[in-house]
């Protein structure tokens, strides 16, 4: 999207956010609270209007006394179906477990497979063979002792319960010498044009089920550009297990089905919601506000290719025709959307990468959307997997969640010459957690024609969390494709990146985006202060900011029904971390 210097004036005409007035932006100023709804309520009454407030010019911030957010008090009373704040307490590996598994060591790549820790020979065959052998034997840990290992191929984790563990990111380095274009071939976009899909897909360490990785890369080599998600290259690798027969509401934990005989506790399934001719499912994702009915959905061909919405979930109990899920429903399940539980491609589960630096051969950053694929770690069709203490250096794209579910990235870092997407979350990725992350300032000036995003989310991805981060460069890149119900909390950012996204991918934001306790070090508002842009959103405890650089117009006219609190005082908002506070309610 191009910068629009007229955007502020247009927003003043179209703006309908519920916000503090200019005189009440100090701590504790907030919109009239919405009445708490019972679990399952999907469309609460809109709070009454207050006068619109233009974004404030930067002013000195003085510290304020900590004060509990009124939004938090509301949410605590109605956590599963709050109109503005999503329930993300179960984001991350195994519903947010703090401890990752420590499977027994089954192989050492130096001792057992002959890898050279001095960088003198290609270690990729040894590492891949060790990982494959351990996976075929039922799982375990593959250790990579201290040293530098040259890798001339993709490192692939395609089996369940396999951990690739270095000695720590300061002690074990994998030095990648070839990019994904060299190794697999050019990867074009299924939407046409001359873009390289390595700009948003694939990793030189790639966690992806073997039965998914092979047809995916075969299709790339054949230039039959695939879909990348939960139901195969052509989105046809699924079958119906049972229709959902009774309407259910966002926030419900159970659904009623027609045929429970094929379902068992512990099964991993997809909840599939198809859109109707009036695009009421897309409207629902955007909050069912008045502007959604007048929005032109039909010509957003990239967006409409993303539906049906596919949400992986696990069955915890089957009692008669009542099926209980491991998380509350992310959306209503209305009859007009033909809700059903289906199969999906078998994901990788229980696998992780730990204690490694992944460093690329230093090359200049490519022009925008022409990346060669110097990419770090990708998790694709991965569920309950993790990355811990991994440092990506001189990458095009650092850490990629592509059709990933309930995965945790912890203590990850992106450094070096500058990257396109330091963090990417797309293609129907849900319930993931990125915590204790860092994006370092680039070490060389950006070449002409390149672009920097930041912590990206797009493509109907939902209920993902970015927590406790420090971004010395980049932005909160909401990349069109109607992502909804995502949270960024307790992040410090030097806000100098830009969001992206094709116009055909539709709105920047769906409903229930929440930015909570965000310190902006350079006073730039774009992509951070979203109360004038995102419907049914919450902006709580951000720094005083002003508009410059990329300035956006809202996608939807009419009432946005947004909330803003504690503007100018991130240091005083309580709770400080929305995700951690929600975990405390469990």
Protein backbone atom coordinates (compact mmCIF):
# COMPACT_ATOMS: atom_id res chain seq x y z
CA UNK A 1 0.00 0.00 0.00
CA UNK A 2 1.33 3.43 -0.91
CA UNK A 3 1.71 6.21 1.64
CA UNK A 4 -1.29 8.53 1.67
CA UNK A 5 -0.70 12.02 3.00
CA UNK A 6 -4.44 12.68 2.79
CA UNK A 7 -5.27 9.71 5.01
CA UNK A 8 -5.61 11.69 8.22
CA UNK A 9 -8.21 14.00 6.75
CA UNK A 10 -10.20 11.10 5.39
CA UNK A 11 -10.10 9.34 8.72
CA UNK A 12 -11.43 12.43 10.41
CA UNK A 13 -14.42 12.18 8.08
CA UNK A 14 -14.88 8.42 8.28
CA UNK A 15 -13.58 7.72 11.74
CA UNK A 16 -16.02 6.11 14.10
CA UNK A 17 -13.71 4.60 16.66
CA UNK A 18 -14.75 4.78 20.29
CA UNK A 19 -11.77 6.64 21.72
CA UNK A 20 -10.72 9.00 24.39
CA UNK A 21 -11.20 12.66 23.67
CA UNK A 22 -8.14 14.87 23.28
CA UNK A 23 -8.47 15.97 26.88
CA UNK A 24 -8.66 12.47 28.35
CA UNK A 25 -5.72 10.63 26.85
CA UNK A 26 -3.98 10.33 30.20
CA UNK A 27 -3.88 7.07 32.09
CA UNK A 28 -7.31 5.68 32.79
CA UNK A 29 -9.06 7.48 29.91
CA UNK A 30 -11.19 4.94 28.03
CA UNK A 31 -14.31 4.46 26.03
CA UNK A 32 -17.54 3.58 27.72
CA UNK A 33 -17.20 -0.11 28.55
CA UNK A 34 -19.27 -2.61 26.64
CA UNK A 35 -21.53 -4.76 28.75
CA UNK A 36 -20.06 -8.17 29.45
CA UNK A 37 -21.70 -10.81 27.27
CA UNK A 38 -22.40 -14.41 28.24
CA UNK A 39 -20.01 -17.01 26.79
CA UNK A 40 -20.81 -17.52 23.14
CA UNK A 41 -22.17 -14.03 22.48
CA UNK A 42 -20.98 -12.99 19.04
CA UNK A 43 -22.43 -9.55 18.45
CA UNK A 44 -22.59 -7.29 21.49
CA UNK A 45 -24.26 -3.91 21.36
CA UNK A 46 -21.94 -1.12 20.30
CA UNK A 47 -20.81 1.28 23.00
CA UNK A 48 -22.18 4.79 22.63
CA UNK A 49 -20.26 7.22 20.46
CA UNK A 50 -17.89 9.79 21.85
CA UNK A 51 -16.29 12.60 19.89
CA UNK A 52 -13.54 11.46 17.55
CA UNK A 53 -10.01 12.34 18.58
CA UNK A 54 -7.25 12.98 16.06
CA UNK A 55 -3.96 11.32 16.73
CA UNK A 56 -2.06 13.43 19.15
CA UNK A 57 1.17 15.18 18.34
CA UNK A 58 4.18 13.89 20.22
CA UNK A 59 4.44 15.35 23.69
CA UNK A 60 6.68 14.62 26.63
CA UNK A 61 5.45 11.63 28.57
CA UNK A 62 5.42 11.74 32.32
CA UNK A 63 5.19 8.60 34.36
CA UNK A 64 1.84 7.65 35.85
CA UNK A 65 0.79 5.41 38.67
CA UNK A 66 -0.05 1.84 37.65
CA UNK A 67 -3.75 1.31 37.19
CA UNK A 68 -5.73 -1.78 36.27
CA UNK A 69 -7.26 -1.52 32.81
CA UNK A 70 -11.03 -1.34 32.65
CA UNK A 71 -10.83 -3.47 29.51
CA UNK A 72 -9.03 -6.10 31.52
CA UNK A 73 -11.76 -6.10 34.15
CA UNK A 74 -14.36 -6.56 31.41
CA UNK A 75 -12.37 -9.31 29.75
CA UNK A 76 -11.95 -11.17 33.04
CA UNK A 77 -15.73 -11.34 33.35
CA UNK A 78 -16.21 -12.56 29.76
CA UNK A 79 -12.92 -14.07 28.54
CA UNK A 80 -14.09 -16.37 25.75
CA UNK A 81 -16.30 -13.96 23.81
CA UNK A 82 -15.18 -10.44 24.63
CA UNK A 83 -16.05 -8.09 21.73
CA UNK A 84 -12.60 -6.44 21.52
CA UNK A 85 -9.96 -8.64 23.14
CA UNK A 86 -9.35 -12.23 21.96
CA UNK A 87 -8.85 -15.20 24.26
CA UNK A 88 -5.25 -16.27 23.65
CA UNK A 89 -4.39 -17.96 26.95
CA UNK A 90 -3.80 -21.28 25.18
CA UNK A 91 -1.51 -19.96 22.45
CA UNK A 92 1.73 -21.84 21.96
CA UNK A 93 3.08 -25.35 22.28
CA UNK A 94 0.70 -27.78 24.02
CA UNK A 95 -1.70 -25.03 25.04
CA UNK A 96 1.07 -22.76 26.32
CA UNK A 97 3.20 -25.22 28.28
CA UNK A 98 6.36 -23.59 29.62
CA UNK A 99 8.55 -26.69 29.51
CA UNK A 100 9.44 -28.35 26.23
CA UNK A 101 9.99 -32.12 26.11
CA UNK A 102 13.51 -33.44 26.69
CA UNK A 103 13.53 -36.72 24.77
CA UNK A 104 16.57 -38.94 25.26
CA UNK A 105 19.60 -38.41 23.04
CA UNK A 106 19.51 -40.94 20.21
CA UNK A 107 22.24 -39.57 17.95
CA UNK A 108 25.20 -37.21 17.85
CA UNK A 109 25.95 -35.85 14.39
CA UNK A 110 29.71 -35.77 14.99
CA UNK A 111 30.25 -39.00 16.90
CA UNK A 112 27.67 -41.13 15.09
CA UNK A 113 27.44 -39.60 11.62
CA UNK A 114 30.80 -37.97 10.96
CA UNK A 115 29.80 -34.32 10.65
CA UNK A 116 32.79 -31.97 10.76
CA UNK A 117 32.47 -29.15 13.35
CA UNK A 118 35.14 -27.01 11.70
CA UNK A 119 33.12 -25.99 8.61
CA UNK A 120 35.46 -27.87 6.26
CA UNK A 121 32.84 -30.17 4.74
CA UNK A 122 29.10 -30.25 4.08
CA UNK A 123 27.41 -31.45 7.27
CA UNK A 124 23.85 -31.44 5.87
CA UNK A 125 23.89 -35.13 4.81
CA UNK A 126 24.99 -36.21 8.28
CA UNK A 127 22.45 -34.02 10.07
CA UNK A 128 19.59 -35.05 7.79
CA UNK A 129 20.45 -38.73 8.07
CA UNK A 130 20.58 -38.51 11.86
CA UNK A 131 17.25 -36.70 12.04
CA UNK A 132 15.63 -39.17 9.66
CA UNK A 133 16.96 -42.25 11.45
CA UNK A 134 15.86 -41.00 14.86
CA UNK A 135 12.44 -40.07 13.48
CA UNK A 136 11.94 -43.50 11.95
CA UNK A 137 12.84 -45.13 15.26
CA UNK A 138 10.10 -43.21 17.06
CA UNK A 139 11.80 -39.96 18.02
CA UNK A 140 14.48 -38.58 20.29
CA UNK A 141 17.13 -35.87 20.40
CA UNK A 142 19.84 -35.34 17.80
CA UNK A 143 22.72 -33.33 19.26
CA UNK A 144 24.96 -30.96 17.33
CA UNK A 145 28.07 -30.32 19.47
CA UNK A 146 29.82 -26.95 19.66
CA UNK A 147 31.38 -25.81 16.40
CA UNK A 148 30.59 -24.41 12.96
CA UNK A 149 28.94 -26.73 10.46
CA UNK A 150 28.71 -25.99 6.77
CA UNK A 151 25.33 -26.93 5.33
CA UNK A 152 24.85 -27.08 1.57
CA UNK A 153 21.25 -28.34 1.71
CA UNK A 154 17.98 -27.87 3.55
CA UNK A 155 17.84 -29.42 7.03
CA UNK A 156 14.51 -31.23 7.21
CA UNK A 157 12.53 -32.35 10.26
CA UNK A 158 9.66 -34.42 8.95
CA UNK A 159 8.89 -36.89 11.76
CA UNK A 160 7.16 -36.48 15.11
CA UNK A 161 9.01 -36.12 18.41
CA UNK A 162 12.45 -35.27 17.01
CA UNK A 163 14.53 -32.50 18.59
CA UNK A 164 17.56 -31.04 16.80
CA UNK A 165 19.62 -29.57 19.64
CA UNK A 166 22.79 -27.55 19.40
CA UNK A 167 24.99 -26.61 22.35
CA UNK A 168 23.46 -23.12 22.48
CA UNK A 169 23.14 -20.34 19.93
CA UNK A 170 26.49 -18.92 21.08
CA UNK A 171 28.27 -22.25 20.56
CA UNK A 172 26.71 -24.13 17.61
CA UNK A 173 26.48 -22.49 14.19
CA UNK A 174 25.04 -23.85 10.96
CA UNK A 175 26.54 -21.89 8.06
CA UNK A 176 24.23 -22.06 5.04
CA UNK A 177 26.03 -21.77 1.70
CA UNK A 178 23.12 -22.13 -0.75
CA UNK A 179 19.68 -20.54 -0.91
CA UNK A 180 16.32 -22.17 -1.62
CA UNK A 181 16.31 -21.03 -5.25
CA UNK A 182 19.61 -22.86 -5.77
CA UNK A 183 18.48 -25.95 -3.87
CA UNK A 184 14.87 -26.38 -4.99
CA UNK A 185 14.35 -23.93 -7.83
CA UNK A 186 12.52 -20.67 -8.52
CA UNK A 187 9.20 -20.43 -6.70
CA UNK A 188 6.60 -18.27 -8.37
CA UNK A 189 3.37 -16.98 -6.91
CA UNK A 190 0.13 -18.87 -7.49
CA UNK A 191 -1.46 -15.43 -7.99
CA UNK A 192 0.71 -14.58 -10.98
CA UNK A 193 3.33 -11.92 -11.57
CA UNK A 194 7.08 -12.20 -11.24
CA UNK A 195 7.27 -12.42 -7.45
CA UNK A 196 9.37 -15.03 -5.68
CA UNK A 197 7.39 -17.02 -3.14
CA UNK A 198 10.66 -17.58 -1.28
CA UNK A 199 9.91 -14.06 -0.07
CA UNK A 200 7.39 -15.58 2.35
CA UNK A 201 7.82 -19.37 2.30
CA UNK A 202 10.33 -22.08 3.10
CA UNK A 203 13.34 -22.35 5.39
CA UNK A 204 16.86 -23.71 5.29
CA UNK A 205 15.78 -25.47 8.47
CA UNK A 206 12.31 -26.70 7.58
CA UNK A 207 9.92 -28.44 10.00
CA UNK A 208 7.33 -30.00 7.71
CA UNK A 209 5.86 -33.53 7.55
CA UNK A 210 7.73 -35.68 5.06
CA UNK A 211 4.51 -36.57 3.23
CA UNK A 212 3.79 -32.85 2.83
CA UNK A 213 7.32 -31.67 2.04
CA UNK A 214 7.88 -33.99 -0.90
CA UNK A 215 4.77 -33.11 -2.97
CA UNK A 216 5.20 -29.45 -2.05
CA UNK A 217 8.77 -29.24 -3.34
CA UNK A 218 7.95 -31.48 -6.32
CA UNK A 219 5.22 -29.01 -7.31
CA UNK A 220 7.64 -26.10 -6.98
CA UNK A 221 10.16 -27.84 -9.23
CA UNK A 222 7.35 -28.51 -11.75
CA UNK A 223 6.27 -24.83 -11.56
CA UNK A 224 2.79 -25.93 -10.47
CA UNK A 225 2.65 -23.35 -7.70
CA UNK A 226 0.91 -25.01 -4.74
CA UNK A 227 -1.30 -24.00 -1.88
CA UNK A 228 0.81 -24.42 1.22
CA UNK A 229 -1.68 -25.24 3.95
CA UNK A 230 -3.53 -27.90 5.85
CA UNK A 231 -5.26 -29.66 2.92
CA UNK A 232 -2.53 -30.13 0.34
CA UNK A 233 -1.26 -28.49 -2.82
CA UNK A 234 -4.75 -28.20 -4.32
CA UNK A 235 -6.71 -27.97 -1.05
CA UNK A 236 -8.36 -31.29 -1.81
CA UNK A 237 -6.62 -33.62 0.68
CA UNK A 238 -9.42 -33.83 3.21
CA UNK A 239 -12.65 -35.66 3.85
CA UNK A 240 -15.67 -34.87 5.95
CA UNK A 241 -15.84 -36.59 9.32
CA UNK A 242 -19.18 -35.10 10.30
CA UNK A 243 -21.26 -31.97 9.74
CA UNK A 244 -21.88 -29.65 12.68
CA UNK A 245 -25.65 -29.68 12.98
CA UNK A 246 -26.52 -27.01 15.58
CA UNK A 247 -25.45 -23.36 15.55
CA UNK A 248 -22.62 -22.56 17.93
CA UNK A 249 -21.21 -19.22 19.08
CA UNK A 250 -17.72 -17.82 19.27
CA UNK A 251 -16.42 -18.79 22.70
CA UNK A 252 -18.31 -22.09 22.94
CA UNK A 253 -16.21 -25.15 23.78
CA UNK A 254 -18.61 -27.75 22.36
CA UNK A 255 -20.31 -28.39 19.04
CA UNK A 256 -23.16 -30.72 18.15
CA UNK A 257 -22.46 -33.09 15.27
CA UNK A 258 -24.47 -35.44 13.08
CA UNK A 259 -22.21 -38.49 13.18
CA UNK A 260 -19.88 -38.84 16.19
CA UNK A 261 -18.83 -42.42 15.43
CA UNK A 262 -15.66 -41.36 13.56
CA UNK A 263 -14.47 -39.09 16.38
CA UNK A 264 -12.35 -39.94 19.39
CA UNK A 265 -10.86 -37.94 22.23
CA UNK A 266 -7.38 -36.80 21.24
CA UNK A 267 -8.14 -36.64 17.49
CA UNK A 268 -6.68 -33.71 15.57
CA UNK A 269 -9.23 -32.37 13.11
CA UNK A 270 -10.12 -29.27 11.13
CA UNK A 271 -13.14 -27.12 11.78
CA UNK A 272 -14.05 -25.97 8.28
CA UNK A 273 -16.25 -22.92 7.62
CA UNK A 274 -17.18 -22.06 4.04
CA UNK A 275 -18.25 -18.56 3.04
CA UNK A 276 -21.60 -17.85 1.41
CA UNK A 277 -22.44 -15.71 -1.62
CA UNK A 278 -22.90 -12.62 0.54
CA UNK A 279 -19.52 -13.11 2.22
CA UNK A 280 -21.10 -13.10 5.66
CA UNK A 281 -18.26 -15.26 7.01
CA UNK A 282 -15.71 -12.61 6.04
CA UNK A 283 -18.00 -9.95 7.54
CA UNK A 284 -18.09 -11.96 10.77
CA UNK A 285 -14.30 -12.16 10.87
CA UNK A 286 -14.28 -8.38 10.63
CA UNK A 287 -16.72 -7.99 13.52
CA UNK A 288 -20.09 -7.78 11.73
CA UNK A 289 -19.91 -4.00 11.86
CA UNK A 290 -22.02 -1.82 9.58
CA UNK A 291 -19.10 -1.12 7.26
CA UNK A 292 -18.64 -4.79 6.46
CA UNK A 293 -21.90 -4.96 4.53
CA UNK A 294 -20.91 -2.13 2.19
CA UNK A 295 -17.35 -3.35 1.69
CA UNK A 296 -16.63 -4.73 -1.80
CA UNK A 297 -15.61 -8.33 -1.10
CA UNK A 298 -16.14 -9.88 -4.54
CA UNK A 299 -13.13 -8.29 -6.23
CA UNK A 300 -10.72 -9.28 -3.43
CA UNK A 301 -9.79 -12.44 -5.27
CA UNK A 302 -6.70 -13.25 -3.23
CA UNK A 303 -8.69 -12.99 -0.01
CA UNK A 304 -11.59 -15.08 -1.27
CA UNK A 305 -9.12 -17.81 -2.29
CA UNK A 306 -8.22 -18.16 1.41
CA UNK A 307 -11.67 -19.41 2.41
CA UNK A 308 -12.91 -21.86 3.57
CA UNK A 309 -11.49 -20.93 6.93
CA UNK A 310 -9.63 -23.95 8.31
CA UNK A 311 -9.01 -24.07 12.06
CA UNK A 312 -7.12 -27.08 13.42
CA UNK A 313 -8.41 -28.23 16.78
CA UNK A 314 -8.15 -31.26 19.03
CA UNK A 315 -11.11 -33.19 20.38
CA UNK A 316 -11.00 -33.67 24.13
CA UNK A 317 -14.29 -35.55 24.66
CA UNK A 318 -17.20 -37.07 22.73
CA UNK A 319 -20.45 -37.55 24.62
CA UNK A 320 -23.29 -38.59 22.37
CA UNK A 321 -23.42 -35.99 19.62
CA UNK A 322 -21.70 -33.33 21.75
CA UNK A 323 -18.02 -32.85 20.93
CA UNK A 324 -15.75 -30.83 23.25
CA UNK A 325 -12.71 -29.06 21.79
CA UNK A 326 -9.41 -28.06 23.37
CA UNK A 327 -10.05 -24.35 22.80
CA UNK A 328 -13.14 -22.16 22.53
CA UNK A 329 -14.51 -21.61 19.04
CA UNK A 330 -12.71 -18.76 17.22
CA UNK A 331 -15.87 -17.79 15.30
CA UNK A 332 -19.55 -18.60 15.20
CA UNK A 333 -20.48 -21.84 13.46
CA UNK A 334 -23.60 -20.83 11.57
CA UNK A 335 -25.57 -23.17 9.27
CA UNK A 336 -25.07 -20.93 6.24
CA UNK A 337 -21.31 -21.57 6.45
CA UNK A 338 -21.75 -25.36 6.29
CA UNK A 339 -19.61 -26.04 9.39
CA UNK A 340 -18.03 -29.46 9.52
CA UNK A 341 -15.21 -31.38 11.13
CA UNK A 342 -12.80 -32.80 8.56
CA UNK A 343 -9.48 -34.54 8.24
CA UNK A 344 -6.27 -32.71 7.38
CA UNK A 345 -2.80 -33.65 6.20
CA UNK A 346 -0.96 -35.34 9.05
CA UNK A 347 1.06 -32.60 10.77
CA UNK A 348 4.45 -32.85 12.43
CA UNK A 349 3.95 -32.84 16.19
CA UNK A 350 6.28 -32.70 19.16
CA UNK A 351 9.41 -31.67 17.25
CA UNK A 352 11.74 -28.75 17.88
CA UNK A 353 14.97 -26.94 17.07
CA UNK A 354 17.11 -25.61 19.92
CA UNK A 355 20.40 -23.93 20.67
CA UNK A 356 21.63 -23.01 17.19
CA UNK A 357 22.76 -19.99 15.20
CA UNK A 358 21.75 -20.25 11.54
CA UNK A 359 24.01 -17.94 9.56
CA UNK A 360 23.76 -17.30 5.83
CA UNK A 361 26.55 -16.61 3.40
CA UNK A 362 26.56 -12.81 3.32
CA UNK A 363 24.82 -11.50 0.20
CA UNK A 364 23.03 -8.17 -0.39
CA UNK A 365 19.33 -8.08 0.40
CA UNK A 366 17.27 -8.73 -2.74
CA UNK A 367 14.77 -6.26 -4.22
CA UNK A 368 11.31 -6.45 -2.70
CA UNK A 369 9.49 -9.73 -3.42
CA UNK A 370 12.46 -11.20 -5.29
CA UNK A 371 14.09 -13.02 -2.39
CA UNK A 372 16.32 -15.96 -3.26
CA UNK A 373 15.43 -17.87 -0.12
CA UNK A 374 18.18 -17.22 2.40
CA UNK A 375 15.54 -18.11 4.98
CA UNK A 376 15.91 -19.29 8.56
CA UNK A 377 13.49 -21.70 10.25
CA UNK A 378 10.11 -22.52 8.72
CA UNK A 379 7.35 -24.42 10.52
CA UNK A 380 4.81 -25.69 8.00
CA UNK A 381 1.87 -27.97 8.79
CA UNK A 382 3.51 -28.18 12.21
CA UNK A 383 1.42 -28.50 15.39
CA UNK A 384 2.73 -28.42 18.94
CA UNK A 385 6.30 -27.81 17.78
CA UNK A 386 8.84 -25.25 18.97
CA UNK A 387 12.00 -23.26 18.32
CA UNK A 388 14.10 -22.18 21.31
CA UNK A 389 17.36 -20.21 21.54
CA UNK A 390 17.85 -19.86 17.80
CA UNK A 391 19.58 -16.89 16.17
CA UNK A 392 19.11 -16.17 12.44
CA UNK A 393 21.81 -14.02 10.81
CA UNK A 394 21.87 -12.35 7.36
CA UNK A 395 18.54 -13.88 6.35
CA UNK A 396 15.96 -12.83 3.78
CA UNK A 397 13.26 -14.08 6.15
CA UNK A 398 14.00 -15.20 9.67
CA UNK A 399 11.25 -17.35 11.24
CA UNK A 400 8.21 -18.44 9.24
CA UNK A 401 4.93 -19.88 10.51
CA UNK A 402 3.14 -21.26 7.44
CA UNK A 403 -0.04 -23.16 8.26
CA UNK A 404 1.37 -23.69 11.76
CA UNK A 405 -0.74 -24.45 14.82
CA UNK A 406 0.03 -24.01 18.51
CA UNK A 407 3.78 -23.66 18.04
CA UNK A 408 6.12 -21.63 20.26
CA UNK A 409 9.10 -19.56 19.16
CA UNK A 410 11.05 -18.61 22.29
CA UNK A 411 14.32 -16.71 22.70
CA UNK A 412 14.70 -16.16 18.96
CA UNK A 413 16.67 -13.36 17.33
CA UNK A 414 17.19 -11.90 13.86
CA UNK A 415 20.41 -9.99 13.11
CA UNK A 416 22.69 -8.96 10.29
CA UNK A 417 22.42 -7.17 6.98
CA UNK A 418 18.66 -6.64 7.11
CA UNK A 419 15.70 -8.83 6.24
CA UNK A 420 12.38 -8.70 4.44
CA UNK A 421 10.25 -10.56 7.01
CA UNK A 422 12.12 -11.09 10.28
CA UNK A 423 9.01 -12.95 11.48
CA UNK A 424 6.24 -14.22 9.21
CA UNK A 425 2.86 -15.74 10.17
CA UNK A 426 0.58 -16.70 7.29
CA UNK A 427 -1.50 -19.24 5.36
CA UNK A 428 -3.94 -20.05 8.12
CA UNK A 429 -1.60 -20.12 11.11
CA UNK A 430 -3.42 -20.17 14.44
CA UNK A 431 -2.74 -20.13 18.19
CA UNK A 432 1.03 -19.65 17.91
CA UNK A 433 3.24 -17.86 20.44
CA UNK A 434 6.37 -15.79 19.71
CA UNK A 435 7.93 -14.69 22.99
CA UNK A 436 11.21 -13.20 24.19
CA UNK A 437 12.13 -12.26 20.63
CA UNK A 438 14.51 -9.67 19.26
CA UNK A 439 15.10 -7.94 15.92
CA UNK A 440 18.46 -6.17 15.83
CA UNK A 441 19.25 -3.01 13.94
CA UNK A 442 20.64 -3.84 10.51
CA UNK A 443 24.40 -3.81 10.10
CA UNK A 444 24.46 -2.30 6.59
CA UNK A 445 22.26 0.32 4.89
CA UNK A 446 19.19 -1.01 3.07
CA UNK A 447 19.84 -1.38 -0.69
CA UNK A 448 17.49 0.56 -3.01
CA UNK A 449 14.25 -1.25 -3.82
CA UNK A 450 14.17 -3.40 -0.69
CA UNK A 451 11.53 -3.35 2.00
CA UNK A 452 11.38 -4.21 5.69
CA UNK A 453 8.26 -5.43 7.43
CA UNK A 454 8.70 -6.78 10.97
CA UNK A 455 6.39 -9.12 12.86
CA UNK A 456 4.02 -10.17 10.10
CA UNK A 457 0.57 -11.71 10.19
CA UNK A 458 -1.78 -12.33 7.25
CA UNK A 459 -3.94 -14.86 5.43
CA UNK A 460 -6.84 -15.43 7.89
CA UNK A 461 -4.33 -16.25 10.63
CA UNK A 462 -5.86 -15.89 14.07
CA UNK A 463 -5.24 -16.04 17.84
CA UNK A 464 -1.47 -15.64 17.53
CA UNK A 465 0.60 -13.78 20.16
CA UNK A 466 3.85 -11.79 20.07
CA UNK A 467 5.03 -11.22 23.63
CA UNK A 468 8.05 -9.62 25.31
CA UNK A 469 9.91 -8.45 22.24
CA UNK A 470 12.49 -5.83 21.40
CA UNK A 471 12.47 -4.55 17.83
CA UNK A 472 15.29 -2.19 16.95
CA UNK A 473 13.83 -2.04 13.46
CA UNK A 474 10.60 -3.07 11.71
CA UNK A 475 6.93 -2.62 12.49
CA UNK A 476 3.75 -4.49 13.40
CA UNK A 477 3.20 -5.76 9.87
CA UNK A 478 -0.45 -6.66 9.42
CA UNK A 479 -0.24 -7.71 5.82
CA UNK A 480 -3.83 -7.77 4.58
CA UNK A 481 -5.63 -11.05 4.05
CA UNK A 482 -7.97 -10.30 6.99
CA UNK A 483 -6.02 -11.69 9.93
CA UNK A 484 -8.08 -11.34 13.09
CA UNK A 485 -7.94 -11.82 16.88
CA UNK A 486 -4.16 -11.46 17.22
CA UNK A 487 -2.25 -9.91 20.15
CA UNK A 488 1.03 -7.98 20.44
CA UNK A 489 1.95 -7.30 24.05
CA UNK A 490 4.90 -5.93 26.04
CA UNK A 491 6.96 -4.98 22.99
CA UNK A 492 9.44 -2.14 22.51
CA UNK A 493 9.78 -1.07 18.88
CA UNK A 494 11.74 1.45 16.83
CA UNK A 495 8.90 1.74 14.34
CA UNK A 496 10.59 2.21 10.97
CA UNK A 497 9.14 -0.60 8.82
CA UNK A 498 6.14 -0.73 6.52
CA UNK A 499 3.29 -3.17 6.19
CA UNK A 500 2.62 -4.81 2.84
CA UNK A 501 -0.14 -6.75 1.14
CA UNK A 502 -1.86 -6.81 -2.23
CA UNK A 503 -5.07 -4.82 -2.62
CA UNK A 504 -6.72 -8.06 -3.80
CA UNK A 505 -5.99 -9.56 -0.37
CA UNK A 506 -8.65 -7.38 1.24
CA UNK A 507 -8.64 -5.68 4.65
CA UNK A 508 -5.62 -5.14 6.85
CA UNK A 509 -7.45 -6.14 10.01
CA UNK A 510 -10.32 -8.25 11.08
CA UNK A 511 -11.87 -7.93 14.52
CA UNK A 512 -10.25 -8.21 17.96
CA UNK A 513 -6.72 -7.11 17.21
CA UNK A 514 -5.10 -5.99 20.46
CA UNK A 515 -1.90 -3.98 21.01
CA UNK A 516 -1.20 -3.95 24.75
CA UNK A 517 1.76 -2.25 26.46
CA UNK A 518 3.82 -1.12 23.48
CA UNK A 519 6.70 1.32 23.82
CA UNK A 520 7.46 3.18 20.57
CA UNK A 521 10.94 4.71 20.69
CA UNK A 522 10.64 7.00 17.64
CA UNK A 523 7.06 8.31 18.12
CA UNK A 524 5.73 6.87 14.83
CA UNK A 525 2.06 5.88 14.94
CA UNK A 526 1.69 3.76 11.80
CA UNK A 527 0.72 0.10 12.36
CA UNK A 528 0.89 0.49 16.15
CA UNK A 529 -1.96 2.84 17.06
CA UNK A 530 -4.83 1.04 15.38
CA UNK A 531 -7.94 2.47 17.05
CA UNK A 532 -8.81 4.42 13.87
CA UNK A 533 -8.13 1.52 11.50
CA UNK A 534 -9.03 -1.89 12.95
CA UNK A 535 -12.67 -2.84 13.73
CA UNK A 536 -13.57 -4.02 17.24
CA UNK A 537 -9.94 -3.60 18.28
CA UNK A 538 -8.14 -2.51 21.45
CA UNK A 539 -5.10 -0.24 21.78
CA UNK A 540 -4.02 -0.23 25.42
CA UNK A 541 -0.95 1.41 26.91
CA UNK A 542 1.09 2.64 23.95
CA UNK A 543 3.50 5.55 23.80
CA UNK A 544 2.47 8.98 22.63
CA UNK A 545 2.88 8.85 18.84
CA UNK A 546 2.34 11.00 15.76
CA UNK A 547 1.69 10.26 12.12
CA UNK A 548 4.49 10.16 9.61
CA UNK A 549 5.61 7.67 6.98
CA UNK A 550 2.99 5.13 5.98
CA UNK A 551 -0.49 6.42 6.83
CA UNK A 552 -3.50 4.19 6.23
CA UNK A 553 -7.19 4.70 5.74
CA UNK A 554 -9.70 2.37 7.38
CA UNK A 555 -10.98 -0.41 5.15
CA UNK A 556 -14.50 -0.13 6.55
CA UNK A 557 -16.74 2.93 6.64
CA UNK A 558 -19.04 3.65 9.55
CA UNK A 559 -18.72 2.66 13.16
CA UNK A 560 -15.52 0.75 13.94
CA UNK A 561 -16.38 0.29 17.62
CA UNK A 562 -12.79 0.35 18.84
CA UNK A 563 -11.30 0.97 22.27
CA UNK A 564 -8.26 2.89 23.48
CA UNK A 565 -6.94 3.14 27.03
CA UNK A 566 -3.87 4.45 28.85
CA UNK A 567 -2.66 6.28 25.78
CA UNK A 568 0.80 7.71 26.40
CA UNK A 569 1.54 5.50 29.40
CA UNK A 570 2.70 1.99 28.51
CA UNK A 571 4.77 1.90 31.71
CA UNK A 572 1.67 2.13 33.89
CA UNK A 573 -0.87 -0.18 32.29
CA UNK A 574 -1.84 -3.21 34.34
CA UNK A 575 -1.63 -6.02 33.61
CA UNK A 576 1.64 -5.39 31.82
CA UNK A 577 1.43 -8.48 29.63
CA UNK A 578 -1.98 -9.48 28.28
CA UNK A 579 -0.98 -13.04 27.40
CA UNK A 580 0.52 -13.77 30.81
CA UNK A 581 -2.50 -12.26 32.54
CA UNK A 582 -4.86 -14.42 30.50
CA UNK A 583 -2.84 -17.51 31.43
CA UNK A 584 -3.44 -16.58 35.04
CA UNK A 585 -7.21 -16.89 34.51
CA UNK A 586 -7.01 -20.50 33.35
